[in-house]
Amino acid sequence: MPVDQKRILALALANLEDEKSRIDAEIAELRAQINEKHAARKGKVRATQARKAVTSRARTSKQKAETSAAMKKLWAKVHKAGFTNIKDYKASLSNA
């Protein structure tokens, strides 16, 4: 009897696992259908984010150093003119 019982339990387990995989496949299909609407809207946002990520990642250390030097030069002009922020400094340039 123990051998038959083990065989029955093994078959029952195999059947339940098959049923579970079918249910999981149906769940995945339903989720995909639900998310199709959201994916269309999010696709544009993700593409934009991907471009931004690639752009910022693609900058070399030389480019970063050039940007840093330019900003230091700009801040030196701003402080020399007696301003504490760039916005006011640029506004004074456009008024002149």
N, C-alpha and C. Protein backbone atom coordinates (compact mmCIF):
# COMPACT_ATOMS: atom_id res chain seq x y z
N MET A 1 0.79 -1.21 0.00
CA MET A 1 0.00 0.00 0.00
C MET A 1 0.84 1.28 0.00
N PRO A 2 1.91 1.38 0.75
CA PRO A 2 2.66 2.63 0.74
C PRO A 2 3.15 3.01 -0.65
N VAL A 3 3.48 2.02 -1.47
CA VAL A 3 3.97 2.33 -2.82
C VAL A 3 2.84 2.94 -3.65
N ASP A 4 1.65 2.38 -3.57
CA ASP A 4 0.51 2.92 -4.31
C ASP A 4 0.15 4.32 -3.82
N GLN A 5 0.24 4.53 -2.54
CA GLN A 5 -0.09 5.85 -1.98
C GLN A 5 0.92 6.90 -2.46
N LYS A 6 2.20 6.54 -2.51
CA LYS A 6 3.22 7.47 -3.00
C LYS A 6 2.97 7.80 -4.48
N ARG A 7 2.58 6.77 -5.24
CA ARG A 7 2.31 6.97 -6.66
C ARG A 7 1.12 7.90 -6.86
N ILE A 8 0.08 7.70 -6.06
CA ILE A 8 -1.12 8.54 -6.14
C ILE A 8 -0.78 9.99 -5.78
N LEU A 9 -0.01 10.16 -4.71
CA LEU A 9 0.38 11.51 -4.30
C LEU A 9 1.25 12.19 -5.37
N ALA A 10 2.15 11.43 -6.00
CA ALA A 10 3.01 11.99 -7.05
C ALA A 10 2.18 12.43 -8.24
N LEU A 11 1.20 11.60 -8.63
CA LEU A 11 0.33 11.97 -9.75
C LEU A 11 -0.53 13.19 -9.41
N ALA A 12 -1.04 13.22 -8.19
CA ALA A 12 -1.86 14.37 -7.77
C ALA A 12 -1.02 15.64 -7.78
N LEU A 13 0.20 15.54 -7.29
CA LEU A 13 1.09 16.69 -7.28
C LEU A 13 1.40 17.16 -8.70
N ALA A 14 1.68 16.25 -9.59
CA ALA A 14 1.96 16.60 -10.98
C ALA A 14 0.76 17.30 -11.61
N ASN A 15 -0.44 16.79 -11.34
CA ASN A 15 -1.66 17.39 -11.88
C ASN A 15 -1.85 18.80 -11.34
N LEU A 16 -1.62 18.98 -10.05
CA LEU A 16 -1.78 20.32 -9.45
C LEU A 16 -0.74 21.30 -10.02
N GLU A 17 0.48 20.83 -10.23
CA GLU A 17 1.51 21.70 -10.80
C GLU A 17 1.16 22.12 -12.23
N ASP A 18 0.62 21.18 -13.01
CA ASP A 18 0.17 21.52 -14.37
C ASP A 18 -0.94 22.57 -14.33
N GLU A 19 -1.88 22.36 -13.43
CA GLU A 19 -3.00 23.30 -13.30
C GLU A 19 -2.49 24.67 -12.86
N LYS A 20 -1.54 24.68 -11.95
CA LYS A 20 -0.96 25.94 -11.48
C LYS A 20 -0.26 26.67 -12.62
N SER A 21 0.48 25.95 -13.45
CA SER A 21 1.17 26.61 -14.56
C SER A 21 0.16 27.18 -15.57
N ARG A 22 -0.95 26.46 -15.80
CA ARG A 22 -1.98 26.99 -16.70
C ARG A 22 -2.60 28.26 -16.11
N ILE A 23 -2.88 28.24 -14.81
CA ILE A 23 -3.47 29.42 -14.16
C ILE A 23 -2.49 30.59 -14.20
N ASP A 24 -1.22 30.33 -13.93
CA ASP A 24 -0.21 31.40 -13.98
C ASP A 24 -0.12 32.01 -15.38
N ALA A 25 -0.23 31.16 -16.41
CA ALA A 25 -0.19 31.66 -17.78
C ALA A 25 -1.40 32.54 -18.07
N GLU A 26 -2.57 32.15 -17.59
CA GLU A 26 -3.78 32.96 -17.78
C GLU A 26 -3.66 34.29 -17.04
N ILE A 27 -3.13 34.25 -15.83
CA ILE A 27 -2.94 35.48 -15.05
C ILE A 27 -1.99 36.42 -15.79
N ALA A 28 -0.90 35.88 -16.30
CA ALA A 28 0.06 36.71 -17.04
C ALA A 28 -0.58 37.33 -18.27
N GLU A 29 -1.41 36.55 -18.96
CA GLU A 29 -2.08 37.07 -20.15
C GLU A 29 -3.05 38.19 -19.79
N LEU A 30 -3.80 38.02 -18.72
CA LEU A 30 -4.74 39.06 -18.29
C LEU A 30 -4.00 40.32 -17.86
N ARG A 31 -2.92 40.15 -17.13
CA ARG A 31 -2.14 41.32 -16.71
C ARG A 31 -1.57 42.06 -17.91
N ALA A 32 -1.14 41.32 -18.92
CA ALA A 32 -0.61 41.95 -20.13
C ALA A 32 -1.70 42.75 -20.83
N GLN A 33 -2.91 42.21 -20.87
CA GLN A 33 -4.02 42.93 -21.50
C GLN A 33 -4.36 44.19 -20.71
N ILE A 34 -4.34 44.09 -19.40
CA ILE A 34 -4.64 45.26 -18.57
C ILE A 34 -3.56 46.32 -18.74
N ASN A 35 -2.31 45.90 -18.80
CA ASN A 35 -1.19 46.85 -18.86
C ASN A 35 -0.94 47.42 -20.24
N GLU A 36 -1.59 46.90 -21.28
CA GLU A 36 -1.38 47.44 -22.62
C GLU A 36 -1.75 48.91 -22.69
N LYS A 37 -2.84 49.27 -22.04
CA LYS A 37 -3.28 50.67 -22.06
C LYS A 37 -2.26 51.56 -21.37
N HIS A 38 -1.74 51.09 -20.24
CA HIS A 38 -0.78 51.89 -19.49
C HIS A 38 0.58 51.93 -20.20
N ALA A 39 0.93 50.85 -20.86
CA ALA A 39 2.22 50.79 -21.53
C ALA A 39 2.29 51.79 -22.68
N ALA A 40 1.18 52.01 -23.36
CA ALA A 40 1.17 52.96 -24.47
C ALA A 40 1.48 54.37 -23.97
N ARG A 41 0.92 54.71 -22.82
CA ARG A 41 1.18 56.04 -22.26
C ARG A 41 2.58 56.13 -21.68
N LYS A 42 3.01 55.08 -21.01
CA LYS A 42 4.32 55.11 -20.35
C LYS A 42 5.46 54.97 -21.34
N GLY A 43 5.19 54.45 -22.52
CA GLY A 43 6.24 54.26 -23.52
C GLY A 43 6.92 55.56 -23.89
N LYS A 44 6.13 56.62 -24.04
CA LYS A 44 6.69 57.91 -24.40
C LYS A 44 7.55 58.45 -23.27
N VAL A 45 7.09 58.30 -22.06
CA VAL A 45 7.84 58.80 -20.91
C VAL A 45 9.15 58.02 -20.77
N ARG A 46 9.08 56.71 -20.91
CA ARG A 46 10.28 55.88 -20.78
C ARG A 46 11.30 56.21 -21.86
N ALA A 47 10.84 56.48 -23.07
CA ALA A 47 11.76 56.81 -24.15
C ALA A 47 12.49 58.12 -23.83
N THR A 48 11.77 59.08 -23.32
CA THR A 48 12.37 60.36 -22.95
C THR A 48 13.38 60.17 -21.83
N GLN A 49 13.01 59.38 -20.83
CA GLN A 49 13.92 59.13 -19.72
C GLN A 49 15.16 58.40 -20.19
N ALA A 50 15.00 57.48 -21.13
CA ALA A 50 16.14 56.74 -21.65
C ALA A 50 17.10 57.67 -22.37
N ARG A 51 16.54 58.60 -23.16
CA ARG A 51 17.39 59.55 -23.86
C ARG A 51 18.16 60.41 -22.87
N LYS A 52 17.49 60.86 -21.82
CA LYS A 52 18.17 61.69 -20.82
C LYS A 52 19.27 60.90 -20.13
N ALA A 53 18.99 59.64 -19.81
CA ALA A 53 19.98 58.82 -19.13
C ALA A 53 21.20 58.60 -20.01
N VAL A 54 20.98 58.33 -21.29
CA VAL A 54 22.09 58.11 -22.21
C VAL A 54 22.88 59.39 -22.38
N THR A 55 22.20 60.51 -22.48
CA THR A 55 22.88 61.78 -22.66
C THR A 55 23.77 62.10 -21.47
N SER A 56 23.24 61.94 -20.27
CA SER A 56 24.05 62.28 -19.10
C SER A 56 25.17 61.27 -18.89
N ARG A 57 24.96 60.02 -19.27
CA ARG A 57 25.98 59.01 -19.12
C ARG A 57 27.09 59.18 -20.16
N ALA A 58 26.74 59.73 -21.30
CA ALA A 58 27.69 59.81 -22.41
C ALA A 58 28.71 60.94 -22.22
N ARG A 59 28.50 61.80 -21.25
CA ARG A 59 29.43 62.90 -21.05
C ARG A 59 30.76 62.37 -20.54
N THR A 60 31.83 62.84 -21.14
CA THR A 60 33.16 62.41 -20.72
C THR A 60 33.65 63.28 -19.57
N SER A 61 34.70 62.84 -18.95
CA SER A 61 35.25 63.63 -17.85
C SER A 61 35.79 64.97 -18.36
N LYS A 62 36.24 64.98 -19.61
CA LYS A 62 36.72 66.24 -20.20
C LYS A 62 35.57 67.23 -20.34
N GLN A 63 34.43 66.75 -20.80
CA GLN A 63 33.26 67.61 -20.95
C GLN A 63 32.80 68.13 -19.59
N LYS A 64 32.82 67.27 -18.60
CA LYS A 64 32.42 67.69 -17.26
C LYS A 64 33.38 68.76 -16.72
N ALA A 65 34.66 68.60 -16.98
CA ALA A 65 35.65 69.59 -16.54
C ALA A 65 35.44 70.92 -17.24
N GLU A 66 35.11 70.88 -18.54
CA GLU A 66 34.85 72.11 -19.28
C GLU A 66 33.63 72.84 -18.73
N THR A 67 32.58 72.07 -18.42
CA THR A 67 31.37 72.66 -17.84
C THR A 67 31.68 73.28 -16.49
N SER A 68 32.45 72.57 -15.69
CA SER A 68 32.81 73.07 -14.37
C SER A 68 33.61 74.38 -14.48
N ALA A 69 34.55 74.41 -15.40
CA ALA A 69 35.36 75.62 -15.58
C ALA A 69 34.50 76.79 -16.04
N ALA A 70 33.56 76.53 -16.95
CA ALA A 70 32.68 77.59 -17.44
C ALA A 70 31.80 78.13 -16.31
N MET A 71 31.29 77.24 -15.47
CA MET A 71 30.43 77.69 -14.36
C MET A 71 31.24 78.48 -13.33
N LYS A 72 32.46 78.07 -13.08
CA LYS A 72 33.30 78.83 -12.14
C LYS A 72 33.56 80.23 -12.67
N LYS A 73 33.79 80.31 -13.98
CA LYS A 73 34.03 81.61 -14.61
C LYS A 73 32.78 82.49 -14.51
N LEU A 74 31.61 81.88 -14.76
CA LEU A 74 30.36 82.62 -14.68
C LEU A 74 30.11 83.11 -13.26
N TRP A 75 30.32 82.23 -12.27
CA TRP A 75 30.10 82.65 -10.88
C TRP A 75 31.08 83.75 -10.47
N ALA A 76 32.29 83.71 -11.00
CA ALA A 76 33.24 84.79 -10.69
C ALA A 76 32.70 86.12 -11.21
N LYS A 77 32.13 86.14 -12.42
CA LYS A 77 31.54 87.36 -12.97
C LYS A 77 30.35 87.82 -12.12
N VAL A 78 29.53 86.86 -11.71
CA VAL A 78 28.34 87.19 -10.91
C VAL A 78 28.75 87.85 -9.60
N HIS A 79 29.71 87.26 -8.90
CA HIS A 79 30.14 87.81 -7.61
C HIS A 79 30.87 89.14 -7.79
N LYS A 80 31.63 89.26 -8.86
CA LYS A 80 32.35 90.51 -9.11
C LYS A 80 31.37 91.66 -9.37
N ALA A 81 30.23 91.32 -10.01
CA ALA A 81 29.21 92.34 -10.28
C ALA A 81 28.38 92.66 -9.04
N GLY A 82 28.58 91.90 -7.96
CA GLY A 82 27.88 92.19 -6.71
C GLY A 82 26.56 91.45 -6.55
N PHE A 83 26.34 90.42 -7.30
CA PHE A 83 25.11 89.64 -7.20
C PHE A 83 25.36 88.35 -6.44
N THR A 84 24.29 87.80 -5.87
CA THR A 84 24.42 86.55 -5.14
C THR A 84 23.78 85.37 -5.88
N ASN A 85 23.07 85.67 -6.97
CA ASN A 85 22.54 84.57 -7.78
C ASN A 85 22.59 84.93 -9.26
N ILE A 86 22.61 83.90 -10.05
CA ILE A 86 22.77 84.07 -11.50
C ILE A 86 21.53 84.70 -12.14
N LYS A 87 20.36 84.40 -11.60
CA LYS A 87 19.12 84.92 -12.17
C LYS A 87 19.11 86.45 -12.16
N ASP A 88 19.45 87.04 -11.03
CA ASP A 88 19.51 88.49 -10.95
C ASP A 88 20.57 89.08 -11.87
N TYR A 89 21.71 88.41 -11.92
CA TYR A 89 22.80 88.87 -12.78
C TYR A 89 22.36 88.89 -14.24
N LYS A 90 21.74 87.81 -14.70
CA LYS A 90 21.29 87.75 -16.09
C LYS A 90 20.18 88.77 -16.36
N ALA A 91 19.33 89.02 -15.36
CA ALA A 91 18.28 90.03 -15.53
C ALA A 91 18.90 91.41 -15.68
N SER A 92 19.97 91.68 -14.96
CA SER A 92 20.62 92.98 -15.08
C SER A 92 21.27 93.13 -16.44
N LEU A 93 21.72 92.07 -17.02
CA LEU A 93 22.34 92.13 -18.36
C LEU A 93 21.29 92.44 -19.43
N SER A 94 20.10 91.84 -19.30
CA SER A 94 19.08 92.08 -20.28
C SER A 94 18.49 93.49 -20.16
N ASN A 95 18.52 94.08 -18.98
CA ASN A 95 18.02 95.44 -18.78
C ASN A 95 18.99 96.50 -19.28
N ALA A 96 20.24 96.14 -19.35
CA ALA A 96 21.26 97.12 -19.74
C ALA A 96 21.27 97.43 -21.20
